[in-house]
């Protein structure tokens, strides 16, 4: 799976270096990030054949750029309930599959950071965890909801492996994990 990353220009105490937007092949973006025009332009330039925008959760550092990016590119948005309820989107709940030009992504429901949070697992076992597991630090989470996530994460072959090198040509932060 060909994976690239673009870092949003939104560093801060909660976003660390900034929000990581993941580009999968030529067709799919995971979490386009905040509504910052330079970031949206960078995504659109890097993804001229964008067809699908995937959202893991509703927070302002992950989802808002999806709407202007979809308007600019014509891409469809797929998001969990509670994210863009007034915008036509494909609703994600878990246990469904999203097709990309690089292969399928399995949607895994991972409530905890937010009650609607989802992760995406590739057939090559690349796991896009987003704020369920951070590259460093500790995510803000609800223990009540996060306890529901642990069984879902344990269903991933070999479980999460922070720090493993993903299939991309360079090492990426461990918010994208590679199974061994």
Protein backbone atom coordinates (compact mmCIF):
# COMPACT_ATOMS: atom_id res chain seq x y z
CA UNK A 1 0.00 0.00 0.00
CA UNK A 2 1.43 3.36 -1.02
CA UNK A 3 1.02 5.77 1.90
CA UNK A 4 2.14 9.37 2.14
CA UNK A 5 1.57 11.97 4.81
CA UNK A 6 0.99 15.70 4.88
CA UNK A 7 1.33 17.55 8.18
CA UNK A 8 -1.25 20.29 8.75
CA UNK A 9 0.16 23.65 9.86
CA UNK A 10 -1.64 23.50 13.21
CA UNK A 11 0.96 22.66 15.88
CA UNK A 12 -0.12 23.02 19.49
CA UNK A 13 -0.45 21.37 22.90
CA UNK A 14 -3.22 19.02 21.71
CA UNK A 15 -2.11 18.56 18.09
CA UNK A 16 1.62 18.19 18.89
CA UNK A 17 3.50 18.83 15.60
CA UNK A 18 0.19 19.19 13.75
CA UNK A 19 -2.50 16.88 12.41
CA UNK A 20 -1.30 14.10 10.14
CA UNK A 21 -3.33 13.71 6.96
CA UNK A 22 -2.77 10.35 5.29
CA UNK A 23 -2.81 9.95 1.48
CA UNK A 24 -3.46 6.42 0.26
CA UNK A 25 -2.53 5.77 -3.35
CA UNK A 26 -4.09 8.30 -5.69
CA UNK A 27 -7.68 8.03 -4.49
CA UNK A 28 -8.09 8.25 -0.72
CA UNK A 29 -7.37 10.69 2.11
CA UNK A 30 -7.70 9.83 5.81
CA UNK A 31 -8.50 12.80 8.07
CA UNK A 32 -7.90 15.88 5.91
CA UNK A 33 -7.49 17.96 9.06
CA UNK A 34 -8.43 21.52 9.93
CA UNK A 35 -9.99 23.97 7.49
CA UNK A 36 -6.75 25.76 6.58
CA UNK A 37 -6.65 26.79 2.92
CA UNK A 38 -2.92 26.13 2.42
CA UNK A 39 -3.35 22.60 3.81
CA UNK A 40 -6.41 21.91 1.65
CA UNK A 41 -4.53 23.19 -1.42
CA UNK A 42 -1.56 20.92 -0.58
CA UNK A 43 -3.84 17.86 -0.30
CA UNK A 44 -5.63 18.68 -3.56
CA UNK A 45 -2.30 19.20 -5.37
CA UNK A 46 -0.93 15.89 -4.06
CA UNK A 47 -4.16 14.00 -4.90
CA UNK A 48 -5.42 15.10 -8.36
CA UNK A 49 -7.47 11.86 -8.66
CA UNK A 50 -8.99 12.00 -5.17
CA UNK A 51 -12.30 10.11 -4.93
CA UNK A 52 -12.74 9.35 -1.21
CA UNK A 53 -12.23 11.31 2.01
CA UNK A 54 -12.31 9.18 5.17
CA UNK A 55 -12.89 10.69 8.61
CA UNK A 56 -11.99 8.93 11.88
CA UNK A 57 -13.79 11.32 14.24
CA UNK A 58 -15.43 14.73 14.60
CA UNK A 59 -12.70 16.87 16.16
CA UNK A 60 -11.75 20.20 14.58
CA UNK A 61 -8.17 19.11 13.93
CA UNK A 62 -9.26 16.08 11.84
CA UNK A 63 -12.54 16.62 9.99
CA UNK A 64 -13.39 20.19 8.89
CA UNK A 65 -11.17 20.28 5.77
CA UNK A 66 -13.27 17.46 4.31
CA UNK A 67 -16.07 19.81 3.24
CA UNK A 68 -13.97 22.32 1.25
CA UNK A 69 -11.75 19.50 -0.06
CA UNK A 70 -14.81 17.61 -1.33
CA UNK A 71 -16.14 20.80 -2.94
CA UNK A 72 -12.77 21.42 -4.62
CA UNK A 73 -12.22 17.84 -5.88
CA UNK A 74 -15.66 16.22 -6.11
CA UNK A 75 -14.56 13.46 -3.71
CA UNK A 76 -17.12 11.66 -1.56
CA UNK A 77 -16.92 11.84 2.25
CA UNK A 78 -17.24 8.75 4.47
CA UNK A 79 -17.55 9.44 8.19
CA UNK A 80 -19.04 7.99 11.38
CA UNK A 81 -22.42 9.15 12.68
CA UNK A 82 -22.06 12.46 14.49
CA UNK A 83 -19.64 13.88 11.92
CA UNK A 84 -21.15 16.23 9.33
CA UNK A 85 -24.72 15.08 10.01
CA UNK A 86 -26.04 17.78 7.66
CA UNK A 87 -23.63 16.90 4.82
CA UNK A 88 -24.31 13.95 2.51
CA UNK A 89 -21.78 11.31 3.50
CA UNK A 90 -21.41 7.57 3.60
CA UNK A 91 -21.89 6.57 7.24
CA UNK A 92 -19.24 4.36 8.85
CA UNK A 93 -19.96 2.23 11.91
CA UNK A 94 -17.40 -0.57 11.85
CA UNK A 95 -17.03 -3.95 10.15
CA UNK A 96 -17.52 -2.54 6.67
CA UNK A 97 -14.93 -2.27 3.90
CA UNK A 98 -13.81 0.77 1.94
CA UNK A 99 -12.21 0.10 -1.46
CA UNK A 100 -9.24 2.24 -2.50
CA UNK A 101 -6.99 2.10 -5.56
CA UNK A 102 -4.40 0.48 -3.25
CA UNK A 103 -6.71 -2.20 -1.82
CA UNK A 104 -9.39 -2.50 0.80
CA UNK A 105 -9.55 -0.83 4.21
CA UNK A 106 -11.56 -2.48 6.99
CA UNK A 107 -13.40 -0.04 9.26
CA UNK A 108 -13.00 -0.81 12.97
CA UNK A 109 -15.21 0.94 15.54
CA UNK A 110 -12.87 2.32 18.24
CA UNK A 111 -14.85 4.52 20.64
CA UNK A 112 -12.90 6.13 23.45
CA UNK A 113 -11.24 9.30 22.21
CA UNK A 114 -14.73 10.14 20.92
CA UNK A 115 -17.74 7.86 20.98
CA UNK A 116 -17.88 7.68 17.15
CA UNK A 117 -14.12 7.13 16.50
CA UNK A 118 -13.14 4.56 13.86
CA UNK A 119 -9.79 3.20 12.67
CA UNK A 120 -8.90 1.79 9.25
CA UNK A 121 -6.97 -1.47 8.68
CA UNK A 122 -5.47 -2.37 5.28
CA UNK A 123 -5.10 -5.89 3.91
CA UNK A 124 -1.35 -5.35 4.38
CA UNK A 125 -2.09 -4.67 8.06
CA UNK A 126 -1.38 -0.94 8.04
CA UNK A 127 -3.55 0.43 10.86
CA UNK A 128 -4.63 4.08 10.76
CA UNK A 129 -5.35 4.65 14.47
CA UNK A 130 -5.52 8.42 14.52
CA UNK A 131 -6.29 9.64 18.04
CA UNK A 132 -7.00 6.17 19.43
CA UNK A 133 -3.22 5.68 19.68
CA UNK A 134 -0.95 8.69 19.40
CA UNK A 135 2.60 8.81 18.11
CA UNK A 136 3.61 10.17 21.51
CA UNK A 137 1.81 11.35 24.59
CA UNK A 138 -1.55 10.10 25.74
CA UNK A 139 -4.91 10.65 24.05
CA UNK A 140 -7.78 12.21 25.96
CA UNK A 141 -10.35 9.45 26.22
CA UNK A 142 -13.42 8.14 27.97
CA UNK A 143 -12.52 4.97 29.86
CA UNK A 144 -16.13 3.81 29.54
CA UNK A 145 -15.99 4.00 25.75
CA UNK A 146 -12.31 3.06 25.43
CA UNK A 147 -13.03 -0.24 27.20
CA UNK A 148 -15.22 -1.07 24.19
CA UNK A 149 -12.27 -0.38 21.88
CA UNK A 150 -9.87 -2.84 23.48
CA UNK A 151 -11.65 -5.96 22.16
CA UNK A 152 -11.86 -4.38 18.69
CA UNK A 153 -8.15 -3.55 18.71
CA UNK A 154 -7.28 -7.04 19.95
CA UNK A 155 -9.05 -8.45 16.87
CA UNK A 156 -6.37 -6.83 14.69
CA UNK A 157 -3.80 -9.50 13.72
CA UNK A 158 -0.98 -9.33 16.29
CA UNK A 159 -2.49 -6.18 17.85
CA UNK A 160 -1.07 -2.65 17.52
CA UNK A 161 2.71 -2.40 17.23
CA UNK A 162 3.82 1.19 17.81
CA UNK A 163 7.04 2.17 16.12
CA UNK A 164 6.93 -0.44 13.36
CA UNK A 165 7.93 0.83 9.96
CA UNK A 166 4.92 1.16 7.62
CA UNK A 167 4.99 0.22 3.97
CA UNK A 168 5.74 3.80 2.93
CA UNK A 169 9.27 4.54 1.78
CA UNK A 170 10.11 6.44 4.97
CA UNK A 171 9.24 5.99 8.61
CA UNK A 172 5.97 7.64 9.59
CA UNK A 173 4.72 8.51 13.09
CA UNK A 174 3.16 5.57 14.88
CA UNK A 175 -0.37 6.90 14.43
CA UNK A 176 -0.02 4.68 11.35
CA UNK A 177 1.07 1.28 12.59
CA UNK A 178 2.49 -1.66 10.66
CA UNK A 179 1.78 -5.21 11.82
CA UNK A 180 4.61 -7.75 11.65
